[in-house]
C-alpha atoms as a PDB file:
ATOM      1  CA  MET A   1     -38.200 -55.708 -81.316  1.00  0.00           C
ATOM      2  CA  LEU A   2     -35.354 -53.268 -82.165  1.00  0.00           C
ATOM      3  CA  LYS A   3     -32.288 -55.116 -83.513  1.00  0.00           C
ATOM      4  CA  VAL A   4     -29.063 -53.593 -82.195  1.00  0.00           C
ATOM      5  CA  VAL A   5     -25.500 -54.410 -83.186  1.00  0.00           C
ATOM      6  CA  ALA A   6     -22.778 -52.982 -80.994  1.00  0.00           C
ATOM      7  CA  ILE A   7     -19.128 -53.138 -82.137  1.00  0.00           C
ATOM      8  CA  GLY A   8     -15.992 -52.652 -80.084  1.00  0.00           C
ATOM      9  CA  GLY A   9     -14.261 -54.118 -77.061  1.00  0.00           C
ATOM     10  CA  GLY A  10     -12.385 -53.150 -73.927  1.00  0.00           C
ATOM     11  CA  THR A  11     -14.233 -51.439 -71.091  1.00  0.00           C
ATOM     12  CA  GLY A  12     -16.152 -49.044 -73.345  1.00  0.00           C
ATOM     13  CA  LEU A  13     -18.521 -51.442 -75.101  1.00  0.00           C
ATOM     14  CA  PRO A  14     -19.869 -53.031 -71.872  1.00  0.00           C
ATOM     15  CA  SER A  15     -20.922 -49.594 -70.609  1.00  0.00           C
ATOM     16  CA  LEU A  16     -23.127 -49.277 -73.637  1.00  0.00           C
ATOM     17  CA  LEU A  17     -24.504 -52.806 -73.411  1.00  0.00           C
ATOM     18  CA  ARG A  18     -25.573 -52.443 -69.771  1.00  0.00           C
ATOM     19  CA  GLY A  19     -27.985 -49.740 -70.750  1.00  0.00           C
ATOM     20  CA  ILE A  20     -29.223 -51.054 -74.075  1.00  0.00           C
ATOM     21  CA  LYS A  21     -30.357 -54.402 -72.630  1.00  0.00           C
ATOM     22  CA  TYR A  22     -33.245 -52.666 -70.813  1.00  0.00           C
ATOM     23  CA  TYR A  23     -34.725 -51.516 -74.195  1.00  0.00           C
ATOM     24  CA  THR A  24     -34.314 -54.633 -76.306  1.00  0.00           C
ATOM     25  CA  LYS A  25     -33.219 -58.243 -76.005  1.00  0.00           C
ATOM     26  CA  ASP A  26     -32.197 -58.434 -79.675  1.00  0.00           C
ATOM     27  CA  ILE A  27     -28.574 -57.331 -79.185  1.00  0.00           C
ATOM     28  CA  THR A  28     -25.491 -58.584 -80.896  1.00  0.00           C
ATOM     29  CA  ALA A  29     -22.117 -57.508 -79.491  1.00  0.00           C
ATOM     30  CA  ILE A  30     -19.263 -58.003 -82.009  1.00  0.00           C
ATOM     31  CA  VAL A  31     -16.046 -57.969 -80.116  1.00  0.00           C
ATOM     32  CA  THR A  32     -12.398 -57.598 -81.089  1.00  0.00           C
ATOM     33  CA  VAL A  33     -10.027 -60.529 -80.435  1.00  0.00           C
ATOM     34  CA  ALA A  34      -6.749 -58.613 -81.066  1.00  0.00           C
ATOM     35  CA  ASP A  35      -5.955 -58.398 -77.272  1.00  0.00           C
ATOM     36  CA  ASP A  36      -2.608 -59.882 -76.380  1.00  0.00           C
ATOM     37  CA  GLY A  37      -2.003 -58.470 -72.893  1.00  0.00           C
ATOM     38  CA  GLY A  38      -2.655 -59.609 -69.318  1.00  0.00           C
ATOM     39  CA  SER A  39      -4.667 -62.718 -68.482  1.00  0.00           C
ATOM     40  CA  SER A  40      -6.196 -62.841 -72.001  1.00  0.00           C
ATOM     41  CA  GLY A  41      -2.762 -62.714 -73.579  1.00  0.00           C
ATOM     42  CA  ARG A  42      -1.392 -65.457 -71.400  1.00  0.00           C
ATOM     43  CA  LEU A  43      -4.315 -67.770 -72.142  1.00  0.00           C
ATOM     44  CA  ARG A  44      -4.046 -66.982 -75.821  1.00  0.00           C
ATOM     45  CA  ASP A  45      -0.410 -67.881 -75.853  1.00  0.00           C
ATOM     46  CA  GLU A  46      -0.570 -70.962 -73.658  1.00  0.00           C
ATOM     47  CA  LEU A  47      -3.861 -72.526 -74.876  1.00  0.00           C
ATOM     48  CA  LYS A  48      -3.877 -71.269 -78.452  1.00  0.00           C
ATOM     49  CA  MET A  49      -7.326 -69.789 -78.057  1.00  0.00           C
ATOM     50  CA  PRO A  50      -8.809 -66.336 -78.801  1.00  0.00           C
ATOM     51  CA  PRO A  51      -8.328 -63.881 -75.922  1.00  0.00           C
ATOM     52  CA  PRO A  52     -11.442 -64.170 -73.646  1.00  0.00           C
ATOM     53  CA  GLY A  53     -11.296 -60.902 -71.612  1.00  0.00           C
ATOM     54  CA  ASP A  54     -13.320 -58.520 -73.793  1.00  0.00           C
ATOM     55  CA  ILE A  55     -15.835 -61.299 -74.514  1.00  0.00           C
ATOM     56  CA  ARG A  56     -16.186 -61.923 -70.733  1.00  0.00           C
ATOM     57  CA  ASN A  57     -16.860 -58.251 -70.005  1.00  0.00           C
ATOM     58  CA  CYS A  58     -19.540 -58.061 -72.696  1.00  0.00           C
ATOM     59  CA  LEU A  59     -21.254 -61.273 -71.474  1.00  0.00           C
ATOM     60  CA  LEU A  60     -21.393 -59.866 -67.977  1.00  0.00           C
ATOM     61  CA  ALA A  61     -22.729 -56.514 -69.231  1.00  0.00           C
ATOM     62  CA  LEU A  62     -25.652 -58.388 -70.943  1.00  0.00           C
ATOM     63  CA  ALA A  63     -26.119 -60.868 -68.137  1.00  0.00           C
ATOM     64  CA  ASN A  64     -29.285 -61.100 -66.012  1.00  0.00           C
ATOM     65  CA  THR A  65     -27.753 -62.967 -63.154  1.00  0.00           C
ATOM     66  CA  GLU A  66     -27.137 -62.754 -59.435  1.00  0.00           C
ATOM     67  CA  PRO A  67     -24.648 -60.097 -58.283  1.00  0.00           C
ATOM     68  CA  LEU A  68     -22.554 -62.920 -56.693  1.00  0.00           C
ATOM     69  CA  MET A  69     -22.202 -64.601 -60.111  1.00  0.00           C
ATOM     70  CA  GLU A  70     -20.889 -61.397 -61.711  1.00  0.00           C
ATOM     71  CA  LYS A  71     -18.569 -60.913 -58.773  1.00  0.00           C
ATOM     72  CA  LEU A  72     -17.273 -64.444 -59.261  1.00  0.00           C
ATOM     73  CA  PHE A  73     -16.660 -63.995 -63.042  1.00  0.00           C
ATOM     74  CA  GLN A  74     -14.796 -60.735 -62.474  1.00  0.00           C
ATOM     75  CA  TYR A  75     -12.771 -62.071 -59.544  1.00  0.00           C
ATOM     76  CA  ARG A  76      -9.005 -61.802 -60.249  1.00  0.00           C
ATOM     77  CA  PHE A  77      -6.553 -63.974 -58.431  1.00  0.00           C
ATOM     78  CA  ASP A  78      -3.831 -61.949 -56.725  1.00  0.00           C
ATOM     79  CA  SER A  79      -1.326 -64.598 -55.747  1.00  0.00           C
ATOM     80  CA  GLY A  80       0.117 -67.966 -56.760  1.00  0.00           C
ATOM     81  CA  PHE A  81       0.432 -69.278 -60.289  1.00  0.00           C
ATOM     82  CA  LEU A  82      -3.090 -67.993 -61.142  1.00  0.00           C
ATOM     83  CA  LYS A  83      -2.064 -64.411 -60.262  1.00  0.00           C
ATOM     84  CA  GLY A  84      -3.507 -61.913 -62.741  1.00  0.00           C
ATOM     85  CA  HIS A  85      -6.070 -64.339 -64.172  1.00  0.00           C
ATOM     86  CA  SER A  86      -9.807 -63.637 -63.750  1.00  0.00           C
ATOM     87  CA  PHE A  87     -12.137 -66.500 -62.983  1.00  0.00           C
ATOM     88  CA  GLY A  88     -14.274 -65.594 -65.960  1.00  0.00           C
ATOM     89  CA  ASN A  89     -11.383 -65.916 -68.332  1.00  0.00           C
ATOM     90  CA  LEU A  90     -10.498 -69.306 -66.868  1.00  0.00           C
ATOM     91  CA  PHE A  91     -14.114 -70.380 -67.132  1.00  0.00           C
ATOM     92  CA  LEU A  92     -14.266 -69.469 -70.851  1.00  0.00           C
ATOM     93  CA  ALA A  93     -10.891 -71.258 -71.379  1.00  0.00           C
ATOM     94  CA  ALA A  94     -12.193 -74.361 -69.680  1.00  0.00           C
ATOM     95  CA  MET A  95     -15.426 -74.279 -71.601  1.00  0.00           C
ATOM     96  CA  THR A  96     -13.452 -73.941 -74.842  1.00  0.00           C
ATOM     97  CA  GLU A  97     -11.332 -76.996 -73.898  1.00  0.00           C
ATOM     98  CA  VAL A  98     -14.414 -79.073 -72.921  1.00  0.00           C
ATOM     99  CA  LEU A  99     -16.384 -78.153 -76.070  1.00  0.00           C
ATOM    100  CA  GLY A 100     -13.440 -77.872 -78.417  1.00  0.00           C
ATOM    101  CA  ASP A 101     -14.918 -74.642 -79.863  1.00  0.00           C
ATOM    102  CA  PHE A 102     -14.516 -71.037 -78.635  1.00  0.00           C
ATOM    103  CA  GLU A 103     -17.709 -69.861 -80.345  1.00  0.00           C
ATOM    104  CA  LEU A 104     -19.743 -72.646 -78.755  1.00  0.00           C
ATOM    105  CA  ALA A 105     -18.090 -71.935 -75.426  1.00  0.00           C
ATOM    106  CA  ILE A 106     -19.408 -68.358 -75.573  1.00  0.00           C
ATOM    107  CA  LYS A 107     -22.937 -69.562 -76.417  1.00  0.00           C
ATOM    108  CA  GLU A 108     -23.027 -72.048 -73.568  1.00  0.00           C
ATOM    109  CA  SER A 109     -21.572 -69.464 -71.138  1.00  0.00           C
ATOM    110  CA  SER A 110     -24.366 -67.109 -72.290  1.00  0.00           C
ATOM    111  CA  LYS A 111     -26.899 -69.653 -71.008  1.00  0.00           C
ATOM    112  CA  VAL A 112     -25.167 -69.919 -67.654  1.00  0.00           C
ATOM    113  CA  LEU A 113     -25.277 -66.128 -67.248  1.00  0.00           C
ATOM    114  CA  ALA A 114     -28.760 -65.622 -68.748  1.00  0.00           C
ATOM    115  CA  VAL A 115     -27.506 -63.207 -71.303  1.00  0.00           C
ATOM    116  CA  SER A 116     -29.817 -60.869 -73.194  1.00  0.00           C
ATOM    117  CA  GLY A 117     -28.808 -61.152 -76.859  1.00  0.00           C
ATOM    118  CA  GLN A 118     -25.543 -62.623 -78.019  1.00  0.00           C
ATOM    119  CA  VAL A 119     -21.806 -61.948 -77.867  1.00  0.00           C
ATOM    120  CA  MET A 120     -19.417 -63.030 -80.609  1.00  0.00           C
ATOM    121  CA  PRO A 121     -15.882 -62.430 -81.747  1.00  0.00           C
ATOM    122  CA  SER A 122     -15.459 -60.478 -84.997  1.00  0.00           C
ATOM    123  CA  THR A 123     -13.274 -63.365 -86.235  1.00  0.00           C
ATOM    124  CA  LEU A 124     -12.091 -66.706 -84.885  1.00  0.00           C
ATOM    125  CA  GLU A 125      -8.714 -66.394 -86.556  1.00  0.00           C
ATOM    126  CA  ASP A 126      -5.533 -65.655 -84.655  1.00  0.00           C
ATOM    127  CA  ILE A 127      -5.080 -61.989 -85.498  1.00  0.00           C
ATOM    128  CA  VAL A 128      -2.366 -59.565 -84.467  1.00  0.00           C
ATOM    129  CA  LEU A 129      -2.746 -55.821 -84.506  1.00  0.00           C
ATOM    130  CA  MET A 130       0.033 -53.684 -86.050  1.00  0.00           C
ATOM    131  CA  ALA A 131       0.322 -49.859 -85.817  1.00  0.00           C
ATOM    132  CA  GLU A 132       2.256 -47.618 -88.099  1.00  0.00           C
ATOM    133  CA  TYR A 133       3.232 -44.301 -86.625  1.00  0.00           C
ATOM    134  CA  ASP A 134       3.740 -40.886 -88.231  1.00  0.00           C
ATOM    135  CA  ASP A 135       7.484 -41.245 -88.228  1.00  0.00           C
ATOM    136  CA  GLY A 136       7.239 -44.488 -90.186  1.00  0.00           C
ATOM    137  CA  SER A 137       8.081 -46.805 -87.261  1.00  0.00           C
ATOM    138  CA  VAL A 138       5.761 -49.748 -86.426  1.00  0.00           C
ATOM    139  CA  ALA A 139       4.646 -51.661 -83.324  1.00  0.00           C
ATOM    140  CA  ILE A 140       3.190 -55.133 -83.406  1.00  0.00           C
ATOM    141  CA  GLY A 141       0.783 -56.277 -80.621  1.00  0.00           C
ATOM    142  CA  GLU A 142      -2.304 -54.584 -79.270  1.00  0.00           C
ATOM    143  CA  SER A 143      -0.911 -54.131 -75.761  1.00  0.00           C
ATOM    144  CA  LEU A 144       2.321 -52.543 -77.039  1.00  0.00           C
ATOM    145  CA  ILE A 145       0.721 -49.987 -79.345  1.00  0.00           C
ATOM    146  CA  PRO A 146      -0.298 -47.337 -76.747  1.00  0.00           C
ATOM    147  CA  ARG A 147       3.000 -47.701 -74.905  1.00  0.00           C
ATOM    148  CA  ILE A 148       5.097 -46.344 -77.788  1.00  0.00           C
ATOM    149  CA  LYS A 149       3.714 -42.814 -77.171  1.00  0.00           C
ATOM    150  CA  ARG A 150       3.908 -41.663 -80.814  1.00  0.00           C
ATOM    151  CA  LYS A 151       1.092 -40.442 -83.119  1.00  0.00           C
ATOM    152  CA  ILE A 152      -0.623 -43.367 -84.781  1.00  0.00           C
ATOM    153  CA  ASN A 153      -1.008 -43.061 -88.515  1.00  0.00           C
ATOM    154  CA  LYS A 154      -2.930 -46.278 -89.153  1.00  0.00           C
ATOM    155  CA  VAL A 155      -3.410 -49.802 -87.812  1.00  0.00           C
ATOM    156  CA  LYS A 156      -3.493 -53.063 -89.748  1.00  0.00           C
ATOM    157  CA  LEU A 157      -4.344 -56.665 -89.029  1.00  0.00           C
ATOM    158  CA  ILE A 158      -2.050 -59.595 -89.546  1.00  0.00           C
ATOM    159  CA  PRO A 159      -3.276 -61.489 -91.482  1.00  0.00           C
ATOM    160  CA  GLU A 160      -5.133 -58.825 -93.477  1.00  0.00           C
ATOM    161  CA  ASP A 161      -7.706 -61.353 -94.877  1.00  0.00           C
ATOM    162  CA  ALA A 162      -9.043 -62.700 -91.601  1.00  0.00           C
ATOM    163  CA  LYS A 163     -12.608 -63.999 -92.110  1.00  0.00           C
ATOM    164  CA  PRO A 164     -15.586 -62.706 -90.094  1.00  0.00           C
ATOM    165  CA  LEU A 165     -18.148 -64.920 -88.439  1.00  0.00           C
ATOM    166  CA  ASN A 166     -21.148 -65.435 -90.754  1.00  0.00           C
ATOM    167  CA  GLU A 167     -23.408 -64.745 -87.712  1.00  0.00           C
ATOM    168  CA  ALA A 168     -21.789 -61.329 -87.334  1.00  0.00           C
ATOM    169  CA  LEU A 169     -22.497 -60.450 -90.977  1.00  0.00           C
ATOM    170  CA  GLU A 170     -26.084 -61.659 -90.642  1.00  0.00           C
ATOM    171  CA  ALA A 171     -26.684 -59.572 -87.536  1.00  0.00           C
ATOM    172  CA  ILE A 172     -25.351 -56.458 -89.223  1.00  0.00           C
ATOM    173  CA  GLU A 173     -27.527 -57.124 -92.267  1.00  0.00           C
ATOM    174  CA  LYS A 174     -30.679 -57.341 -90.114  1.00  0.00           C
ATOM    175  CA  ALA A 175     -29.788 -54.534 -87.704  1.00  0.00           C
ATOM    176  CA  ASP A 176     -31.888 -51.425 -87.055  1.00  0.00           C
ATOM    177  CA  ALA A 177     -29.049 -49.791 -85.171  1.00  0.00           C
ATOM    178  CA  ILE A 178     -25.299 -50.285 -85.564  1.00  0.00           C
ATOM    179  CA  ILE A 179     -23.287 -48.642 -82.787  1.00  0.00           C
ATOM    180  CA  LEU A 180     -19.501 -48.204 -82.847  1.00  0.00           C
ATOM    181  CA  GLY A 181     -17.932 -47.670 -79.409  1.00  0.00           C
ATOM    182  CA  PRO A 182     -17.345 -46.198 -76.986  1.00  0.00           C
ATOM    183  CA  GLY A 183     -13.882 -47.648 -76.559  1.00  0.00           C
ATOM    184  CA  SER A 184     -10.224 -47.431 -77.484  1.00  0.00           C
ATOM    185  CA  LEU A 185     -10.243 -46.040 -81.031  1.00  0.00           C
ATOM    186  CA  TYR A 186      -7.291 -47.918 -82.531  1.00  0.00           C
ATOM    187  CA  THR A 187      -7.214 -51.047 -80.390  1.00  0.00           C
ATOM    188  CA  SER A 188     -10.893 -51.819 -79.641  1.00  0.00           C
ATOM    189  CA  ILE A 189     -13.123 -50.285 -82.354  1.00  0.00           C
ATOM    190  CA  ILE A 190     -11.083 -50.107 -85.588  1.00  0.00           C
ATOM    191  CA  PRO A 191      -9.777 -53.667 -85.478  1.00  0.00           C
ATOM    192  CA  ASN A 192     -13.299 -54.991 -85.985  1.00  0.00           C
ATOM    193  CA  LEU A 193     -13.776 -52.795 -88.993  1.00  0.00           C
ATOM    194  CA  LEU A 194     -10.626 -54.168 -90.591  1.00  0.00           C
ATOM    195  CA  ILE A 195     -12.097 -57.715 -90.705  1.00  0.00           C
ATOM    196  CA  ARG A 196     -12.878 -58.364 -94.339  1.00  0.00           C
ATOM    197  CA  GLY A 197     -16.625 -58.219 -94.936  1.00  0.00           C
ATOM    198  CA  ILE A 198     -17.626 -56.403 -91.742  1.00  0.00           C
ATOM    199  CA  ARG A 199     -16.972 -52.960 -93.127  1.00  0.00           C
ATOM    200  CA  GLU A 200     -18.852 -53.768 -96.347  1.00  0.00           C
ATOM    201  CA  ALA A 201     -21.812 -55.187 -94.412  1.00  0.00           C
ATOM    202  CA  ILE A 202     -22.039 -51.993 -92.378  1.00  0.00           C
ATOM    203  CA  GLU A 203     -21.779 -49.840 -95.492  1.00  0.00           C
ATOM    204  CA  SER A 204     -24.625 -51.620 -97.236  1.00  0.00           C
ATOM    205  CA  SER A 205     -26.809 -51.801 -94.138  1.00  0.00           C
ATOM    206  CA  SER A 206     -29.956 -49.572 -93.915  1.00  0.00           C
ATOM    207  CA  ALA A 207     -29.553 -49.354 -90.116  1.00  0.00           C
ATOM    208  CA  LYS A 208     -28.888 -46.099 -88.312  1.00  0.00           C
ATOM    209  CA  LYS A 209     -25.101 -46.006 -87.810  1.00  0.00           C
ATOM    210  CA  ILE A 210     -23.974 -44.272 -84.590  1.00  0.00           C
ATOM    211  CA  PHE A 211     -20.381 -43.619 -83.500  1.00  0.00           C
ATOM    212  CA  VAL A 212     -20.089 -42.866 -79.734  1.00  0.00           C
ATOM    213  CA  VAL A 213     -17.033 -40.651 -79.293  1.00  0.00           C
ATOM    214  CA  ASN A 214     -14.942 -41.197 -76.155  1.00  0.00           C
ATOM    215  CA  ILE A 215     -15.265 -38.557 -73.380  1.00  0.00           C
ATOM    216  CA  MET A 216     -11.550 -38.415 -72.675  1.00  0.00           C
ATOM    217  CA  THR A 217      -8.406 -38.765 -74.804  1.00  0.00           C
ATOM    218  CA  GLN A 218      -6.383 -41.950 -74.319  1.00  0.00           C
ATOM    219  CA  PRO A 219      -2.658 -41.567 -73.580  1.00  0.00           C
ATOM    220  CA  GLY A 220      -0.502 -43.154 -76.254  1.00  0.00           C
ATOM    221  CA  GLU A 221      -3.495 -43.636 -78.551  1.00  0.00           C
ATOM    222  CA  THR A 222      -5.544 -40.479 -79.033  1.00  0.00           C
ATOM    223  CA  ASP A 223      -3.389 -37.732 -77.488  1.00  0.00           C
ATOM    224  CA  ASN A 224      -4.828 -34.264 -78.310  1.00  0.00           C
ATOM    225  CA  TYR A 225      -7.591 -35.843 -80.489  1.00  0.00           C
ATOM    226  CA  THR A 226     -10.766 -33.873 -80.960  1.00  0.00           C
ATOM    227  CA  ALA A 227     -14.111 -35.482 -81.773  1.00  0.00           C
ATOM    228  CA  PHE A 228     -13.375 -34.740 -85.462  1.00  0.00           C
ATOM    229  CA  ASP A 229     -10.031 -36.595 -85.221  1.00  0.00           C
ATOM    230  CA  HIS A 230     -11.834 -39.636 -83.841  1.00  0.00           C
ATOM    231  CA  VAL A 231     -14.335 -39.598 -86.702  1.00  0.00           C
ATOM    232  CA  LYS A 232     -11.579 -38.934 -89.266  1.00  0.00           C
ATOM    233  CA  ALA A 233      -9.621 -42.043 -88.061  1.00  0.00           C
ATOM    234  CA  ILE A 234     -12.700 -44.238 -88.404  1.00  0.00           C
ATOM    235  CA  VAL A 235     -13.344 -42.964 -91.907  1.00  0.00           C
ATOM    236  CA  GLU A 236      -9.759 -43.325 -93.086  1.00  0.00           C
ATOM    237  CA  HIS A 237      -9.746 -46.929 -91.972  1.00  0.00           C
ATOM    238  CA  ALA A 238     -13.253 -47.951 -92.937  1.00  0.00           C
ATOM    239  CA  GLY A 239     -14.846 -45.439 -95.318  1.00  0.00           C
ATOM    240  CA  GLU A 240     -17.337 -42.588 -95.209  1.00  0.00           C
ATOM    241  CA  LYS A 241     -20.483 -44.704 -95.140  1.00  0.00           C
ATOM    242  CA  ILE A 242     -19.581 -46.393 -91.838  1.00  0.00           C
ATOM    243  CA  ILE A 243     -21.112 -43.527 -89.801  1.00  0.00           C
ATOM    244  CA  GLU A 244     -24.309 -41.515 -89.941  1.00  0.00           C
ATOM    245  CA  TYR A 245     -24.587 -40.000 -86.411  1.00  0.00           C
ATOM    246  CA  VAL A 246     -21.780 -38.880 -84.108  1.00  0.00           C
ATOM    247  CA  LEU A 247     -22.703 -38.837 -80.421  1.00  0.00           C
ATOM    248  CA  VAL A 248     -20.602 -36.595 -78.135  1.00  0.00           C
ATOM    249  CA  ASN A 249     -20.700 -35.726 -74.472  1.00  0.00           C
ATOM    250  CA  VAL A 250     -21.043 -32.091 -73.550  1.00  0.00           C
ATOM    251  CA  GLU A 251     -21.646 -32.536 -69.854  1.00  0.00           C
ATOM    252  CA  LYS A 252     -19.203 -30.648 -67.596  1.00  0.00           C
ATOM    253  CA  ILE A 253     -16.664 -32.893 -65.916  1.00  0.00           C
ATOM    254  CA  PRO A 254     -15.951 -32.188 -62.189  1.00  0.00           C
ATOM    255  CA  GLU A 255     -12.587 -30.427 -61.646  1.00  0.00           C
ATOM    256  CA  ARG A 256     -11.326 -33.031 -59.129  1.00  0.00           C
ATOM    257  CA  LEU A 257     -11.566 -35.707 -61.771  1.00  0.00           C
ATOM    258  CA  LEU A 258     -10.072 -33.593 -64.537  1.00  0.00           C
ATOM    259  CA  GLN A 259      -6.945 -33.010 -62.411  1.00  0.00           C
ATOM    260  CA  LYS A 260      -6.510 -36.690 -61.729  1.00  0.00           C
ATOM    261  CA  TYR A 261      -6.794 -37.599 -65.426  1.00  0.00           C
ATOM    262  CA  LYS A 262      -4.539 -34.675 -66.504  1.00  0.00           C
ATOM    263  CA  GLU A 263      -1.786 -36.171 -64.355  1.00  0.00           C
ATOM    264  CA  GLU A 264      -2.189 -39.350 -66.441  1.00  0.00           C
ATOM    265  CA  GLY A 265      -2.021 -37.429 -69.671  1.00  0.00           C
ATOM    266  CA  SER A 266      -5.746 -37.597 -70.443  1.00  0.00           C
ATOM    267  CA  VAL A 267      -7.940 -34.563 -71.235  1.00  0.00           C
ATOM    268  CA  PRO A 268     -11.578 -34.091 -72.344  1.00  0.00           C
ATOM    269  CA  VAL A 269     -12.234 -34.682 -76.051  1.00  0.00           C
ATOM    270  CA  VAL A 270     -12.964 -31.271 -77.624  1.00  0.00           C
ATOM    271  CA  VAL A 271     -16.210 -31.218 -79.592  1.00  0.00           C
ATOM    272  CA  ASP A 272     -15.400 -29.422 -82.864  1.00  0.00           C
ATOM    273  CA  GLU A 273     -18.980 -29.642 -84.111  1.00  0.00           C
ATOM    274  CA  GLU A 274     -18.556 -27.660 -87.334  1.00  0.00           C
ATOM    275  CA  ARG A 275     -15.838 -29.881 -88.767  1.00  0.00           C
ATOM    276  CA  ILE A 276     -17.984 -32.997 -88.173  1.00  0.00           C
ATOM    277  CA  LEU A 277     -21.016 -31.357 -89.807  1.00  0.00           C
ATOM    278  CA  GLU A 278     -18.839 -30.422 -92.794  1.00  0.00           C
ATOM    279  CA  MET A 279     -18.142 -34.094 -93.291  1.00  0.00           C
ATOM    280  CA  GLY A 280     -21.869 -34.663 -93.717  1.00  0.00           C
ATOM    281  CA  TYR A 281     -22.601 -36.381 -90.397  1.00  0.00           C
ATOM    282  CA  LYS A 282     -25.344 -35.564 -87.919  1.00  0.00           C
ATOM    283  CA  ILE A 283     -24.164 -34.732 -84.459  1.00  0.00           C
ATOM    284  CA  ILE A 284     -25.821 -35.600 -81.168  1.00  0.00           C
ATOM    285  CA  LYS A 285     -24.631 -33.350 -78.390  1.00  0.00           C
ATOM    286  CA  THR A 286     -25.783 -34.749 -75.079  1.00  0.00           C
ATOM    287  CA  GLU A 287     -24.973 -35.156 -71.396  1.00  0.00           C
ATOM    288  CA  VAL A 288     -24.017 -38.821 -70.885  1.00  0.00           C
ATOM    289  CA  LEU A 289     -21.386 -38.564 -68.052  1.00  0.00           C
ATOM    290  CA  SER A 290     -21.264 -41.064 -65.225  1.00  0.00           C
ATOM    291  CA  ILE A 291     -20.315 -39.170 -62.059  1.00  0.00           C
ATOM    292  CA  ASN A 292     -18.074 -41.285 -59.815  1.00  0.00           C
ATOM    293  CA  ASP A 293     -14.342 -41.875 -59.395  1.00  0.00           C
ATOM    294  CA  VAL A 294     -13.715 -42.555 -63.073  1.00  0.00           C
ATOM    295  CA  ILE A 295     -14.852 -40.655 -66.164  1.00  0.00           C
ATOM    296  CA  ARG A 296     -16.986 -42.874 -68.392  1.00  0.00           C
ATOM    297  CA  HIS A 297     -20.351 -42.969 -70.160  1.00  0.00           C
ATOM    298  CA  ASP A 298     -23.390 -43.521 -68.001  1.00  0.00           C
ATOM    299  CA  SER A 299     -25.017 -46.688 -69.354  1.00  0.00           C
ATOM    300  CA  GLU A 300     -28.594 -45.500 -68.803  1.00  0.00           C
ATOM    301  CA  LYS A 301     -28.146 -41.997 -70.179  1.00  0.00           C
ATOM    302  CA  LEU A 302     -26.252 -43.294 -73.222  1.00  0.00           C
ATOM    303  CA  ALA A 303     -28.867 -45.971 -74.060  1.00  0.00           C
ATOM    304  CA  LYS A 304     -31.742 -43.498 -73.585  1.00  0.00           C
ATOM    305  CA  GLU A 305     -30.090 -41.023 -75.989  1.00  0.00           C
ATOM    306  CA  ILE A 306     -29.589 -43.686 -78.649  1.00  0.00           C
ATOM    307  CA  MET A 307     -33.169 -44.818 -78.258  1.00  0.00           C
ATOM    308  CA  LYS A 308     -34.460 -41.358 -78.983  1.00  0.00           C
ATOM    309  CA  LEU A 309     -33.478 -41.930 -82.616  1.00  0.00           C
ATOM    310  CA  PHE A 310     -36.157 -44.615 -82.795  1.00  0.00           C
ATOM    311  CA  SER A 311     -39.003 -42.939 -80.884  1.00  0.00           C
END
């Protein structure tokens, strides 16, 4: 059975996982725990636990459960003192309190949701993400970084020597495929690669290493970034051997959606193929667009395209 490791967070990684689970059950999702906003941030501050939101989304993406259960876990309270909290986040928080261990709480929640594969944080340490901008200014906190609206030069973790989970390193070592993204470049993907040991494990792995480039730029994070700029940012933070294939969308986006996103400051990521090829990477140009009210990767199309590398 194909062993897949997917690395990221946010809403991007789950879109990949939903498709991959139909090809293999040996999936390990390694998820960032740098989130400090919204419900996750509140639980992190009040209960001194890792933020559960990205973990929850990945668990649900890999779940084989009733639609009602998924609806329940994604339900977000809209009034009272629970306003803003999702039931799934509270469930993971309660499970952590009962078991006294966040990692164990994820494993037990995986059983409840009949999850294909496993989901784990890249570290169990209390990490904070810091960004340094082109003008030398800095911002501390994952949720604050995109709001500054300046060009990001690099991101760092505090502390810089956070330890990875041994299970994460083992999964990377045994993997046939290591997939980075899709997801927020500086706040979902790169933070995992800054965990000591994870980058080195990927570099020395014999797996096929695939970076899935975002379809649209992200305001405050990747304004005006081309596909090459995305690749360059990964390489500058984690080294040249972290990627082998670069997967980009070339499917035409409906005009009605483009206009909506343009108003929010988001435009399609330009595919500058030649510059990526000059770096020595193989490029996969494909149509992986999900056509609905939001622009994102189609889970089935994306998984199918990745699986072609193993057929």
